[in-house]
Amino acid sequence: MNYEDTPDYNKAENDILLNSSNEDEKILALITLVHCSGNYNLAMQKSIEFAKNESELIAANAIGCFGDIARIYRKLDFEIVEEILNVYKNSQSEWIHSKILDSLDDILVFLKNDRLEIYRK
């Protein structure tokens, strides 16, 4: 995956991309929303929704967004994130596993909370 700058946030355009059938567009739109919208509730809602996506790539990136949310907003709904991590705790996907670890690192560093460390393999 190539890293790209997050585009300026335009809610109307971003909403269209969030509903795109193109995985890359959906992922970029989610990351843009999390990083640029300033809306914690919407960032959580969409990250949760995308974490439940059938696509491993979309789900993994959404899991990664939980760490971004912890870093940017300095809060996180631990109960919901824990439910999602429970679903993926036995995943054999290296991609999902690496995103879980990245998120756990951010949660530990920025929220000083080790509640979810049980999901670190």
PDB file of N, CA and C in Angstrom:
ATOM      1  N   MET A   1       0.846  -1.168   0.000  1.00  0.00           N
ATOM      2  CA  MET A   1       0.000   0.000   0.000  1.00  0.00           C
ATOM      3  C   MET A   1       0.890   1.228   0.000  1.00  0.00           C
ATOM      4  N   ASN A   2       0.555   2.195  -0.817  1.00  0.00           N
ATOM      5  CA  ASN A   2       1.281   3.452  -0.862  1.00  0.00           C
ATOM      6  C   ASN A   2       0.640   4.444   0.083  1.00  0.00           C
ATOM      7  N   TYR A   3       1.477   5.197   0.769  1.00  0.00           N
ATOM      8  CA  TYR A   3       0.969   6.225   1.656  1.00  0.00           C
ATOM      9  C   TYR A   3       0.721   7.487   0.850  1.00  0.00           C
ATOM     10  N   GLU A   4      -0.413   8.107   1.103  1.00  0.00           N
ATOM     11  CA  GLU A   4      -0.782   9.322   0.390  1.00  0.00           C
ATOM     12  C   GLU A   4      -1.132  10.388   1.408  1.00  0.00           C
ATOM     13  N   ASP A   5      -0.959  11.657   1.003  1.00  0.00           N
ATOM     14  CA  ASP A   5      -1.413  12.734   1.861  1.00  0.00           C
ATOM     15  C   ASP A   5      -2.923  12.646   1.977  1.00  0.00           C
ATOM     16  N   THR A   6      -3.434  12.990   3.148  1.00  0.00           N
ATOM     17  CA  THR A   6      -4.873  13.019   3.339  1.00  0.00           C
ATOM     18  C   THR A   6      -5.404  14.290   2.688  1.00  0.00           C
ATOM     19  N   PRO A   7      -6.370  14.175   1.794  1.00  0.00           N
ATOM     20  CA  PRO A   7      -6.881  15.381   1.129  1.00  0.00           C
ATOM     21  C   PRO A   7      -7.650  16.270   2.096  1.00  0.00           C
ATOM     22  N   ASP A   8      -7.846  17.524   1.688  1.00  0.00           N
ATOM     23  CA  ASP A   8      -8.661  18.423   2.497  1.00  0.00           C
ATOM     24  C   ASP A   8     -10.046  17.804   2.660  1.00  0.00           C
ATOM     25  N   TYR A   9     -10.658  18.084   3.801  1.00  0.00           N
ATOM     26  CA  TYR A   9     -11.936  17.450   4.108  1.00  0.00           C
ATOM     27  C   TYR A   9     -13.093  18.220   3.487  1.00  0.00           C
ATOM     28  N   ASN A  10     -13.829  17.554   2.634  1.00  0.00           N
ATOM     29  CA  ASN A  10     -15.061  18.068   2.069  1.00  0.00           C
ATOM     30  C   ASN A  10     -16.109  17.003   2.361  1.00  0.00           C
ATOM     31  N   LYS A  11     -17.009  17.302   3.298  1.00  0.00           N
ATOM     32  CA  LYS A  11     -17.954  16.292   3.777  1.00  0.00           C
ATOM     33  C   LYS A  11     -18.769  15.672   2.646  1.00  0.00           C
ATOM     34  N   ALA A  12     -19.298  16.485   1.763  1.00  0.00           N
ATOM     35  CA  ALA A  12     -20.144  15.955   0.686  1.00  0.00           C
ATOM     36  C   ALA A  12     -19.357  14.995  -0.212  1.00  0.00           C
ATOM     37  N   GLU A  13     -18.155  15.409  -0.610  1.00  0.00           N
ATOM     38  CA  GLU A  13     -17.337  14.543  -1.455  1.00  0.00           C
ATOM     39  C   GLU A  13     -16.911  13.284  -0.704  1.00  0.00           C
ATOM     40  N   ASN A  14     -16.564  13.456   0.569  1.00  0.00           N
ATOM     41  CA  ASN A  14     -16.112  12.315   1.355  1.00  0.00           C
ATOM     42  C   ASN A  14     -17.239  11.302   1.558  1.00  0.00           C
ATOM     43  N   ASP A  15     -18.461  11.799   1.761  1.00  0.00           N
ATOM     44  CA  ASP A  15     -19.606  10.895   1.921  1.00  0.00           C
ATOM     45  C   ASP A  15     -19.815  10.039   0.673  1.00  0.00           C
ATOM     46  N   ILE A  16     -19.608  10.637  -0.494  1.00  0.00           N
ATOM     47  CA  ILE A  16     -19.734   9.875  -1.741  1.00  0.00           C
ATOM     48  C   ILE A  16     -18.687   8.766  -1.783  1.00  0.00           C
ATOM     49  N   LEU A  17     -17.448   9.101  -1.411  1.00  0.00           N
ATOM     50  CA  LEU A  17     -16.370   8.108  -1.440  1.00  0.00           C
ATOM     51  C   LEU A  17     -16.567   7.019  -0.386  1.00  0.00           C
ATOM     52  N   LEU A  18     -17.149   7.373   0.755  1.00  0.00           N
ATOM     53  CA  LEU A  18     -17.420   6.363   1.784  1.00  0.00           C
ATOM     54  C   LEU A  18     -18.364   5.283   1.268  1.00  0.00           C
ATOM     55  N   ASN A  19     -19.208   5.648   0.322  1.00  0.00           N
ATOM     56  CA  ASN A  19     -20.180   4.710  -0.240  1.00  0.00           C
ATOM     57  C   ASN A  19     -19.738   4.121  -1.575  1.00  0.00           C
ATOM     58  N   SER A  20     -18.516   4.395  -1.961  1.00  0.00           N
ATOM     59  CA  SER A  20     -17.980   3.893  -3.226  1.00  0.00           C
ATOM     60  C   SER A  20     -17.854   2.370  -3.188  1.00  0.00           C
ATOM     61  N   SER A  21     -17.867   1.764  -4.356  1.00  0.00           N
ATOM     62  CA  SER A  21     -17.617   0.319  -4.434  1.00  0.00           C
ATOM     63  C   SER A  21     -16.118   0.032  -4.545  1.00  0.00           C
ATOM     64  N   ASN A  22     -15.314   1.074  -4.727  1.00  0.00           N
ATOM     65  CA  ASN A  22     -13.869   0.945  -4.841  1.00  0.00           C
ATOM     66  C   ASN A  22     -13.243   0.921  -3.445  1.00  0.00           C
ATOM     67  N   GLU A  23     -12.537  -0.162  -3.121  1.00  0.00           N
ATOM     68  CA  GLU A  23     -11.961  -0.313  -1.775  1.00  0.00           C
ATOM     69  C   GLU A  23     -10.994   0.808  -1.422  1.00  0.00           C
ATOM     70  N   ASP A  24     -10.129   1.169  -2.359  1.00  0.00           N
ATOM     71  CA  ASP A  24      -9.150   2.220  -2.077  1.00  0.00           C
ATOM     72  C   ASP A  24      -9.828   3.551  -1.774  1.00  0.00           C
ATOM     73  N   GLU A  25     -10.881   3.870  -2.519  1.00  0.00           N
ATOM     74  CA  GLU A  25     -11.619   5.113  -2.271  1.00  0.00           C
ATOM     75  C   GLU A  25     -12.288   5.080  -0.903  1.00  0.00           C
ATOM     76  N   LYS A  26     -12.886   3.942  -0.554  1.00  0.00           N
ATOM     77  CA  LYS A  26     -13.537   3.811   0.757  1.00  0.00           C
ATOM     78  C   LYS A  26     -12.528   4.001   1.889  1.00  0.00           C
ATOM     79  N   ILE A  27     -11.368   3.376   1.752  1.00  0.00           N
ATOM     80  CA  ILE A  27     -10.345   3.450   2.797  1.00  0.00           C
ATOM     81  C   ILE A  27      -9.830   4.876   2.929  1.00  0.00           C
ATOM     82  N   LEU A  28      -9.519   5.518   1.801  1.00  0.00           N
ATOM     83  CA  LEU A  28      -9.044   6.897   1.846  1.00  0.00           C
ATOM     84  C   LEU A  28     -10.099   7.812   2.462  1.00  0.00           C
ATOM     85  N   ALA A  29     -11.363   7.581   2.127  1.00  0.00           N
ATOM     86  CA  ALA A  29     -12.443   8.398   2.686  1.00  0.00           C
ATOM     87  C   ALA A  29     -12.554   8.203   4.201  1.00  0.00           C
ATOM     88  N   LEU A  30     -12.407   6.971   4.665  1.00  0.00           N
ATOM     89  CA  LEU A  30     -12.469   6.720   6.105  1.00  0.00           C
ATOM     90  C   LEU A  30     -11.307   7.399   6.818  1.00  0.00           C
ATOM     91  N   ILE A  31     -10.113   7.242   6.287  1.00  0.00           N
ATOM     92  CA  ILE A  31      -8.942   7.860   6.912  1.00  0.00           C
ATOM     93  C   ILE A  31      -9.070   9.383   6.894  1.00  0.00           C
ATOM     94  N   THR A  32      -9.576   9.932   5.800  1.00  0.00           N
ATOM     95  CA  THR A  32      -9.794  11.374   5.714  1.00  0.00           C
ATOM     96  C   THR A  32     -10.796  11.822   6.763  1.00  0.00           C
ATOM     97  N   LEU A  33     -11.877  11.089   6.908  1.00  0.00           N
ATOM     98  CA  LEU A  33     -12.890  11.424   7.909  1.00  0.00           C
ATOM     99  C   LEU A  33     -12.281  11.421   9.311  1.00  0.00           C
ATOM    100  N   VAL A  34     -11.560  10.366   9.641  1.00  0.00           N
ATOM    101  CA  VAL A  34     -10.964  10.243  10.978  1.00  0.00           C
ATOM    102  C   VAL A  34      -9.975  11.372  11.230  1.00  0.00           C
ATOM    103  N   HIS A  35      -9.136  11.667  10.257  1.00  0.00           N
ATOM    104  CA  HIS A  35      -8.064  12.639  10.444  1.00  0.00           C
ATOM    105  C   HIS A  35      -8.510  14.086  10.309  1.00  0.00           C
ATOM    106  N   CYS A  36      -9.544  14.351   9.518  1.00  0.00           N
ATOM    107  CA  CYS A  36      -9.832  15.736   9.145  1.00  0.00           C
ATOM    108  C   CYS A  36     -11.206  16.265   9.532  1.00  0.00           C
ATOM    109  N   SER A  37     -12.139  15.408   9.897  1.00  0.00           N
ATOM    110  CA  SER A  37     -13.508  15.890  10.124  1.00  0.00           C
ATOM    111  C   SER A  37     -13.673  16.621  11.446  1.00  0.00           C
ATOM    112  N   GLY A  38     -12.864  16.268  12.440  1.00  0.00           N
ATOM    113  CA  GLY A  38     -13.041  16.855  13.768  1.00  0.00           C
ATOM    114  C   GLY A  38     -14.259  16.308  14.491  1.00  0.00           C
ATOM    115  N   ASN A  39     -14.833  15.236  13.972  1.00  0.00           N
ATOM    116  CA  ASN A  39     -16.069  14.682  14.525  1.00  0.00           C
ATOM    117  C   ASN A  39     -15.788  13.284  15.092  1.00  0.00           C
ATOM    118  N   TYR A  40     -15.540  13.232  16.395  1.00  0.00           N
ATOM    119  CA  TYR A  40     -15.223  11.960  17.052  1.00  0.00           C
ATOM    120  C   TYR A  40     -16.322  10.925  16.845  1.00  0.00           C
ATOM    121  N   ASN A  41     -17.575  11.317  17.066  1.00  0.00           N
ATOM    122  CA  ASN A  41     -18.679  10.347  16.979  1.00  0.00           C
ATOM    123  C   ASN A  41     -18.799   9.747  15.582  1.00  0.00           C
ATOM    124  N   LEU A  42     -18.685  10.583  14.566  1.00  0.00           N
ATOM    125  CA  LEU A  42     -18.775  10.080  13.198  1.00  0.00           C
ATOM    126  C   LEU A  42     -17.562   9.214  12.858  1.00  0.00           C
ATOM    127  N   ALA A  43     -16.386   9.615  13.327  1.00  0.00           N
ATOM    128  CA  ALA A  43     -15.176   8.819  13.093  1.00  0.00           C
ATOM    129  C   ALA A  43     -15.320   7.432  13.717  1.00  0.00           C
ATOM    130  N   MET A  44     -15.828   7.375  14.931  1.00  0.00           N
ATOM    131  CA  MET A  44     -16.050   6.082  15.585  1.00  0.00           C
ATOM    132  C   MET A  44     -17.101   5.270  14.839  1.00  0.00           C
ATOM    133  N   GLN A  45     -18.216   5.906  14.509  1.00  0.00           N
ATOM    134  CA  GLN A  45     -19.315   5.204  13.841  1.00  0.00           C
ATOM    135  C   GLN A  45     -18.851   4.563  12.536  1.00  0.00           C
ATOM    136  N   LYS A  46     -18.157   5.320  11.704  1.00  0.00           N
ATOM    137  CA  LYS A  46     -17.720   4.785  10.415  1.00  0.00           C
ATOM    138  C   LYS A  46     -16.604   3.753  10.580  1.00  0.00           C
ATOM    139  N   SER A  47     -15.720   3.957  11.550  1.00  0.00           N
ATOM    140  CA  SER A  47     -14.653   2.976  11.785  1.00  0.00           C
ATOM    141  C   SER A  47     -15.243   1.650  12.250  1.00  0.00           C
ATOM    142  N   ILE A  48     -16.236   1.716  13.108  1.00  0.00           N
ATOM    143  CA  ILE A  48     -16.916   0.503  13.575  1.00  0.00           C
ATOM    144  C   ILE A  48     -17.606  -0.194  12.397  1.00  0.00           C
ATOM    145  N   GLU A  49     -18.327   0.582  11.615  1.00  0.00           N
ATOM    146  CA  GLU A  49     -19.027   0.020  10.449  1.00  0.00           C
ATOM    147  C   GLU A  49     -18.039  -0.653   9.487  1.00  0.00           C
ATOM    148  N   PHE A  50     -16.941   0.018   9.188  1.00  0.00           N
ATOM    149  CA  PHE A  50     -15.972  -0.524   8.240  1.00  0.00           C
ATOM    150  C   PHE A  50     -15.191  -1.693   8.835  1.00  0.00           C
ATOM    151  N   ALA A  51     -15.011  -1.717  10.145  1.00  0.00           N
ATOM    152  CA  ALA A  51     -14.312  -2.840  10.790  1.00  0.00           C
ATOM    153  C   ALA A  51     -15.112  -4.131  10.650  1.00  0.00           C
ATOM    154  N   LYS A  52     -16.393  -4.017  10.394  1.00  0.00           N
ATOM    155  CA  LYS A  52     -17.258  -5.182  10.214  1.00  0.00           C
ATOM    156  C   LYS A  52     -17.411  -5.561   8.739  1.00  0.00           C
ATOM    157  N   ASN A  53     -16.689  -4.876   7.862  1.00  0.00           N
ATOM    158  CA  ASN A  53     -16.779  -5.112   6.427  1.00  0.00           C
ATOM    159  C   ASN A  53     -16.202  -6.476   6.059  1.00  0.00           C
ATOM    160  N   GLU A  54     -16.760  -7.103   5.046  1.00  0.00           N
ATOM    161  CA  GLU A  54     -16.279  -8.414   4.592  1.00  0.00           C
ATOM    162  C   GLU A  54     -14.876  -8.347   4.005  1.00  0.00           C
ATOM    163  N   SER A  55     -14.520  -7.197   3.479  1.00  0.00           N
ATOM    164  CA  SER A  55     -13.191  -7.034   2.886  1.00  0.00           C
ATOM    165  C   SER A  55     -12.141  -6.936   3.993  1.00  0.00           C
ATOM    166  N   GLU A  56     -11.160  -7.819   3.937  1.00  0.00           N
ATOM    167  CA  GLU A  56     -10.085  -7.808   4.930  1.00  0.00           C
ATOM    168  C   GLU A  56      -9.330  -6.482   4.898  1.00  0.00           C
ATOM    169  N   LEU A  57      -9.123  -5.937   3.716  1.00  0.00           N
ATOM    170  CA  LEU A  57      -8.393  -4.682   3.566  1.00  0.00           C
ATOM    171  C   LEU A  57      -9.143  -3.521   4.213  1.00  0.00           C
ATOM    172  N   ILE A  58     -10.437  -3.445   3.982  1.00  0.00           N
ATOM    173  CA  ILE A  58     -11.242  -2.377   4.579  1.00  0.00           C
ATOM    174  C   ILE A  58     -11.312  -2.558   6.091  1.00  0.00           C
ATOM    175  N   ALA A  59     -11.577  -3.772   6.544  1.00  0.00           N
ATOM    176  CA  ALA A  59     -11.670  -4.036   7.988  1.00  0.00           C
ATOM    177  C   ALA A  59     -10.354  -3.719   8.689  1.00  0.00           C
ATOM    178  N   ALA A  60      -9.246  -4.133   8.102  1.00  0.00           N
ATOM    179  CA  ALA A  60      -7.938  -3.890   8.723  1.00  0.00           C
ATOM    180  C   ALA A  60      -7.661  -2.400   8.853  1.00  0.00           C
ATOM    181  N   ASN A  61      -7.954  -1.642   7.813  1.00  0.00           N
ATOM    182  CA  ASN A  61      -7.722  -0.202   7.883  1.00  0.00           C
ATOM    183  C   ASN A  61      -8.642   0.471   8.890  1.00  0.00           C
ATOM    184  N   ALA A  62      -9.854  -0.020   9.013  1.00  0.00           N
ATOM    185  CA  ALA A  62     -10.768   0.522  10.018  1.00  0.00           C
ATOM    186  C   ALA A  62     -10.251   0.236  11.424  1.00  0.00           C
ATOM    187  N   ILE A  63      -9.715  -0.948  11.632  1.00  0.00           N
ATOM    188  CA  ILE A  63      -9.119  -1.281  12.932  1.00  0.00           C
ATOM    189  C   ILE A  63      -7.951  -0.341  13.210  1.00  0.00           C
ATOM    190  N   GLY A  64      -7.166  -0.057  12.191  1.00  0.00           N
ATOM    191  CA  GLY A  64      -6.076   0.902  12.346  1.00  0.00           C
ATOM    192  C   GLY A  64      -6.566   2.285  12.729  1.00  0.00           C
ATOM    193  N   CYS A  65      -7.758   2.631  12.279  1.00  0.00           N
ATOM    194  CA  CYS A  65      -8.318   3.947  12.602  1.00  0.00           C
ATOM    195  C   CYS A  65      -8.624   4.098  14.091  1.00  0.00           C
ATOM    196  N   PHE A  66      -8.842   3.000  14.799  1.00  0.00           N
ATOM    197  CA  PHE A  66      -9.081   3.121  16.243  1.00  0.00           C
ATOM    198  C   PHE A  66      -7.866   3.728  16.940  1.00  0.00           C
ATOM    199  N   GLY A  67      -6.679   3.359  16.507  1.00  0.00           N
ATOM    200  CA  GLY A  67      -5.473   3.964  17.057  1.00  0.00           C
ATOM    201  C   GLY A  67      -5.372   5.433  16.689  1.00  0.00           C
ATOM    202  N   ASP A  68      -5.745   5.759  15.443  1.00  0.00           N
ATOM    203  CA  ASP A  68      -5.738   7.157  15.015  1.00  0.00           C
ATOM    204  C   ASP A  68      -6.718   7.980  15.838  1.00  0.00           C
ATOM    205  N   ILE A  69      -7.884   7.421  16.098  1.00  0.00           N
ATOM    206  CA  ILE A  69      -8.891   8.120  16.903  1.00  0.00           C
ATOM    207  C   ILE A  69      -8.358   8.373  18.306  1.00  0.00           C
ATOM    208  N   ALA A  70      -7.715   7.374  18.886  1.00  0.00           N
ATOM    209  CA  ALA A  70      -7.125   7.552  20.223  1.00  0.00           C
ATOM    210  C   ALA A  70      -6.094   8.679  20.209  1.00  0.00           C
ATOM    211  N   ARG A  71      -5.285   8.722  19.164  1.00  0.00           N
ATOM    212  CA  ARG A  71      -4.237   9.738  19.056  1.00  0.00           C
ATOM    213  C   ARG A  71      -4.821  11.125  18.806  1.00  0.00           C
ATOM    214  N   ILE A  72      -5.782  11.230  17.917  1.00  0.00           N
ATOM    215  CA  ILE A  72      -6.321  12.530  17.513  1.00  0.00           C
ATOM    216  C   ILE A  72      -7.302  13.089  18.533  1.00  0.00           C
ATOM    217  N   TYR A  73      -8.217  12.262  19.006  1.00  0.00           N
ATOM    218  CA  TYR A  73      -9.310  12.741  19.858  1.00  0.00           C
ATOM    219  C   TYR A  73      -9.067  12.498  21.341  1.00  0.00           C
ATOM    220  N   ARG A  74      -8.051  11.699  21.660  1.00  0.00           N
ATOM    221  CA  ARG A  74      -7.668  11.390  23.045  1.00  0.00           C
ATOM    222  C   ARG A  74      -8.795  10.721  23.834  1.00  0.00           C
ATOM    223  N   LYS A  75      -9.615   9.954  23.114  1.00  0.00           N
ATOM    224  CA  LYS A  75     -10.650   9.143  23.757  1.00  0.00           C
ATOM    225  C   LYS A  75     -11.020   8.013  22.818  1.00  0.00           C
ATOM    226  N   LEU A  76     -11.706   7.015  23.377  1.00  0.00           N
ATOM    227  CA  LEU A  76     -12.082   5.841  22.599  1.00  0.00           C
ATOM    228  C   LEU A  76     -13.166   5.092  23.358  1.00  0.00           C
ATOM    229  N   ASP A  77     -14.137   4.552  22.640  1.00  0.00           N
ATOM    230  CA  ASP A  77     -15.172   3.725  23.252  1.00  0.00           C
ATOM    231  C   ASP A  77     -14.610   2.309  23.375  1.00  0.00           C
ATOM    232  N   PHE A  78     -14.042   2.012  24.540  1.00  0.00           N
ATOM    233  CA  PHE A  78     -13.341   0.748  24.735  1.00  0.00           C
ATOM    234  C   PHE A  78     -14.253  -0.463  24.595  1.00  0.00           C
ATOM    235  N   GLU A  79     -15.509  -0.370  25.029  1.00  0.00           N
ATOM    236  CA  GLU A  79     -16.404  -1.521  24.959  1.00  0.00           C
ATOM    237  C   GLU A  79     -16.627  -1.948  23.509  1.00  0.00           C
ATOM    238  N   ILE A  80     -16.879  -0.977  22.660  1.00  0.00           N
ATOM    239  CA  ILE A  80     -17.146  -1.300  21.256  1.00  0.00           C
ATOM    240  C   ILE A  80     -15.886  -1.808  20.565  1.00  0.00           C
ATOM    241  N   VAL A  81     -14.761  -1.147  20.816  1.00  0.00           N
ATOM    242  CA  VAL A  81     -13.506  -1.589  20.201  1.00  0.00           C
ATOM    243  C   VAL A  81     -13.159  -2.998  20.670  1.00  0.00           C
ATOM    244  N   GLU A  82     -13.397  -3.276  21.934  1.00  0.00           N
ATOM    245  CA  GLU A  82     -13.115  -4.612  22.460  1.00  0.00           C
ATOM    246  C   GLU A  82     -13.985  -5.668  21.779  1.00  0.00           C
ATOM    247  N   GLU A  83     -15.255  -5.348  21.535  1.00  0.00           N
ATOM    248  CA  GLU A  83     -16.137  -6.281  20.825  1.00  0.00           C
ATOM    249  C   GLU A  83     -15.576  -6.604  19.436  1.00  0.00           C
ATOM    250  N   ILE A  84     -15.093  -5.582  18.755  1.00  0.00           N
ATOM    251  CA  ILE A  84     -14.547  -5.787  17.411  1.00  0.00           C
ATOM    252  C   ILE A  84     -13.258  -6.598  17.470  1.00  0.00           C
ATOM    253  N   LEU A  85     -12.389  -6.268  18.413  1.00  0.00           N
ATOM    254  CA  LEU A  85     -11.135  -7.016  18.529  1.00  0.00           C
ATOM    255  C   LEU A  85     -11.393  -8.476  18.887  1.00  0.00           C
ATOM    256  N   ASN A  86     -12.451  -8.740  19.634  1.00  0.00           N
ATOM    257  CA  ASN A  86     -12.821 -10.126  19.951  1.00  0.00           C
ATOM    258  C   ASN A  86     -13.130 -10.921  18.686  1.00  0.00           C
ATOM    259  N   VAL A  87     -13.762 -10.274  17.730  1.00  0.00           N
ATOM    260  CA  VAL A  87     -14.097 -10.937  16.471  1.00  0.00           C
ATOM    261  C   VAL A  87     -12.827 -11.354  15.730  1.00  0.00           C
ATOM    262  N   TYR A  88     -11.804 -10.507  15.807  1.00  0.00           N
ATOM    263  CA  TYR A  88     -10.584 -10.735  15.024  1.00  0.00           C
ATOM    264  C   TYR A  88      -9.432 -11.340  15.816  1.00  0.00           C
ATOM    265  N   LYS A  89      -9.647 -11.645  17.090  1.00  0.00           N
ATOM    266  CA  LYS A  89      -8.520 -12.073  17.928  1.00  0.00           C
ATOM    267  C   LYS A  89      -7.837 -13.346  17.434  1.00  0.00           C
ATOM    268  N   ASN A  90      -8.543 -14.195  16.732  1.00  0.00           N
ATOM    269  CA  ASN A  90      -7.942 -15.429  16.218  1.00  0.00           C
ATOM    270  C   ASN A  90      -7.702 -15.386  14.710  1.00  0.00           C
ATOM    271  N   SER A  91      -7.781 -14.192  14.151  1.00  0.00           N
ATOM    272  CA  SER A  91      -7.572 -14.051  12.712  1.00  0.00           C
ATOM    273  C   SER A  91      -6.157 -14.468  12.332  1.00  0.00           C
ATOM    274  N   GLN A  92      -6.045 -15.149  11.231  1.00  0.00           N
ATOM    275  CA  GLN A  92      -4.742 -15.561  10.711  1.00  0.00           C
ATOM    276  C   GLN A  92      -4.162 -14.515   9.757  1.00  0.00           C
ATOM    277  N   SER A  93      -4.907 -13.445   9.550  1.00  0.00           N
ATOM    278  CA  SER A  93      -4.473 -12.402   8.627  1.00  0.00           C
ATOM    279  C   SER A  93      -3.357 -11.563   9.241  1.00  0.00           C
ATOM    280  N   GLU A  94      -2.214 -11.549   8.571  1.00  0.00           N
ATOM    281  CA  GLU A  94      -1.097 -10.712   9.030  1.00  0.00           C
ATOM    282  C   GLU A  94      -1.464  -9.236   8.944  1.00  0.00           C
ATOM    283  N   TRP A  95      -2.236  -8.885   7.934  1.00  0.00           N
ATOM    284  CA  TRP A  95      -2.649  -7.497   7.748  1.00  0.00           C
ATOM    285  C   TRP A  95      -3.505  -7.038   8.930  1.00  0.00           C
ATOM    286  N   ILE A  96      -4.503  -7.806   9.293  1.00  0.00           N
ATOM    287  CA  ILE A  96      -5.358  -7.447  10.429  1.00  0.00           C
ATOM    288  C   ILE A  96      -4.545  -7.455  11.716  1.00  0.00           C
ATOM    289  N   HIS A  97      -3.723  -8.462  11.889  1.00  0.00           N
ATOM    290  CA  HIS A  97      -2.903  -8.552  13.101  1.00  0.00           C
ATOM    291  C   HIS A  97      -1.995  -7.325  13.242  1.00  0.00           C
ATOM    292  N   SER A  98      -1.374  -6.894  12.157  1.00  0.00           N
ATOM    293  CA  SER A  98      -0.477  -5.735  12.237  1.00  0.00           C
ATOM    294  C   SER A  98      -1.244  -4.457  12.546  1.00  0.00           C
ATOM    295  N   LYS A  99      -2.450  -4.322  12.025  1.00  0.00           N
ATOM    296  CA  LYS A  99      -3.270  -3.139  12.316  1.00  0.00           C
ATOM    297  C   LYS A  99      -3.743  -3.145  13.765  1.00  0.00           C
ATOM    298  N   ILE A 100      -4.054  -4.320  14.293  1.00  0.00           N
ATOM    299  CA  ILE A 100      -4.410  -4.416  15.711  1.00  0.00           C
ATOM    300  C   ILE A 100      -3.237  -3.954  16.563  1.00  0.00           C
ATOM    301  N   LEU A 101      -2.044  -4.431  16.258  1.00  0.00           N
ATOM    302  CA  LEU A 101      -0.862  -4.039  17.035  1.00  0.00           C
ATOM    303  C   LEU A 101      -0.594  -2.542  16.938  1.00  0.00           C
ATOM    304  N   ASP A 102      -0.736  -1.979  15.746  1.00  0.00           N
ATOM    305  CA  ASP A 102      -0.550  -0.530  15.584  1.00  0.00           C
ATOM    306  C   ASP A 102      -1.546   0.247  16.432  1.00  0.00           C
ATOM    307  N   SER A 103      -2.802  -0.187  16.410  1.00  0.00           N
ATOM    308  CA  SER A 103      -3.827   0.491  17.204  1.00  0.00           C
ATOM    309  C   SER A 103      -3.552   0.362  18.695  1.00  0.00           C
ATOM    310  N   LEU A 104      -3.164  -0.828  19.120  1.00  0.00           N
ATOM    311  CA  LEU A 104      -2.864  -1.030  20.541  1.00  0.00           C
ATOM    312  C   LEU A 104      -1.712  -0.139  20.990  1.00  0.00           C
ATOM    313  N   ASP A 105      -0.710   0.025  20.138  1.00  0.00           N
ATOM    314  CA  ASP A 105       0.402   0.918  20.471  1.00  0.00           C
ATOM    315  C   ASP A 105      -0.093   2.344  20.685  1.00  0.00           C
ATOM    316  N   ASP A 106      -0.920   2.844  19.761  1.00  0.00           N
ATOM    317  CA  ASP A 106      -1.441   4.207  19.889  1.00  0.00           C
ATOM    318  C   ASP A 106      -2.336   4.358  21.112  1.00  0.00           C
ATOM    319  N   ILE A 107      -3.166   3.367  21.371  1.00  0.00           N
ATOM    320  CA  ILE A 107      -4.061   3.426  22.531  1.00  0.00           C
ATOM    321  C   ILE A 107      -3.251   3.471  23.814  1.00  0.00           C
ATOM    322  N   LEU A 108      -2.229   2.661  23.897  1.00  0.00           N
ATOM    323  CA  LEU A 108      -1.386   2.640  25.093  1.00  0.00           C
ATOM    324  C   LEU A 108      -0.640   3.963  25.261  1.00  0.00           C
ATOM    325  N   VAL A 109      -0.077   4.473  24.191  1.00  0.00           N
ATOM    326  CA  VAL A 109       0.717   5.703  24.269  1.00  0.00           C
ATOM    327  C   VAL A 109      -0.156   6.927  24.521  1.00  0.00           C
ATOM    328  N   PHE A 110      -1.228   7.078  23.781  1.00  0.00           N
ATOM    329  CA  PHE A 110      -1.994   8.316  23.835  1.00  0.00           C
ATOM    330  C   PHE A 110      -3.107   8.325  24.870  1.00  0.00           C
ATOM    331  N   LEU A 111      -3.593   7.165  25.258  1.00  0.00           N
ATOM    332  CA  LEU A 111      -4.644   7.117  26.278  1.00  0.00           C
ATOM    333  C   LEU A 111      -4.137   6.553  27.595  1.00  0.00           C
ATOM    334  N   LYS A 112      -2.897   6.105  27.602  1.00  0.00           N
ATOM    335  CA  LYS A 112      -2.297   5.537  28.818  1.00  0.00           C
ATOM    336  C   LYS A 112      -3.203   4.463  29.409  1.00  0.00           C
ATOM    337  N   ASN A 113      -3.744   3.626  28.529  1.00  0.00           N
ATOM    338  CA  ASN A 113      -4.696   2.610  28.949  1.00  0.00           C
ATOM    339  C   ASN A 113      -4.281   1.268  28.355  1.00  0.00           C
ATOM    340  N   ASP A 114      -4.074   0.291  29.211  1.00  0.00           N
ATOM    341  CA  ASP A 114      -3.645  -1.027  28.733  1.00  0.00           C
ATOM    342  C   ASP A 114      -4.764  -2.061  28.759  1.00  0.00           C
ATOM    343  N   ARG A 115      -5.991  -1.593  28.850  1.00  0.00           N
ATOM    344  CA  ARG A 115      -7.147  -2.489  28.935  1.00  0.00           C
ATOM    345  C   ARG A 115      -7.215  -3.478  27.767  1.00  0.00           C
ATOM    346  N   LEU A 116      -6.809  -3.061  26.605  1.00  0.00           N
ATOM    347  CA  LEU A 116      -6.937  -3.902  25.415  1.00  0.00           C
ATOM    348  C   LEU A 116      -5.679  -4.701  25.111  1.00  0.00           C
ATOM    349  N   GLU A 117      -4.699  -4.637  25.963  1.00  0.00           N
ATOM    350  CA  GLU A 117      -3.423  -5.323  25.724  1.00  0.00           C
ATOM    351  C   GLU A 117      -3.576  -6.840  25.618  1.00  0.00           C
ATOM    352  N   ILE A 118      -4.677  -7.379  26.120  1.00  0.00           N
ATOM    353  CA  ILE A 118      -4.899  -8.824  26.018  1.00  0.00           C
ATOM    354  C   ILE A 118      -5.010  -9.273  24.563  1.00  0.00           C
ATOM    355  N   TYR A 119      -5.232  -8.318  23.641  1.00  0.00           N
ATOM    356  CA  TYR A 119      -5.366  -8.655  22.224  1.00  0.00           C
ATOM    357  C   TYR A 119      -4.027  -8.621  21.498  1.00  0.00           C
ATOM    358  N   ARG A 120      -2.964  -8.329  22.223  1.00  0.00           N
ATOM    359  CA  ARG A 120      -1.629  -8.312  21.628  1.00  0.00           C
ATOM    360  C   ARG A 120      -1.099  -9.743  21.612  1.00  0.00           C
ATOM    361  N   LYS A 121      -0.766 -10.272  20.437  1.00  0.00           N
ATOM    362  CA  LYS A 121      -0.246 -11.644  20.313  1.00  0.00           C
ATOM    363  C   LYS A 121       1.253 -11.590  20.234  1.00  0.00           C
TER     364      LYS A 121
END
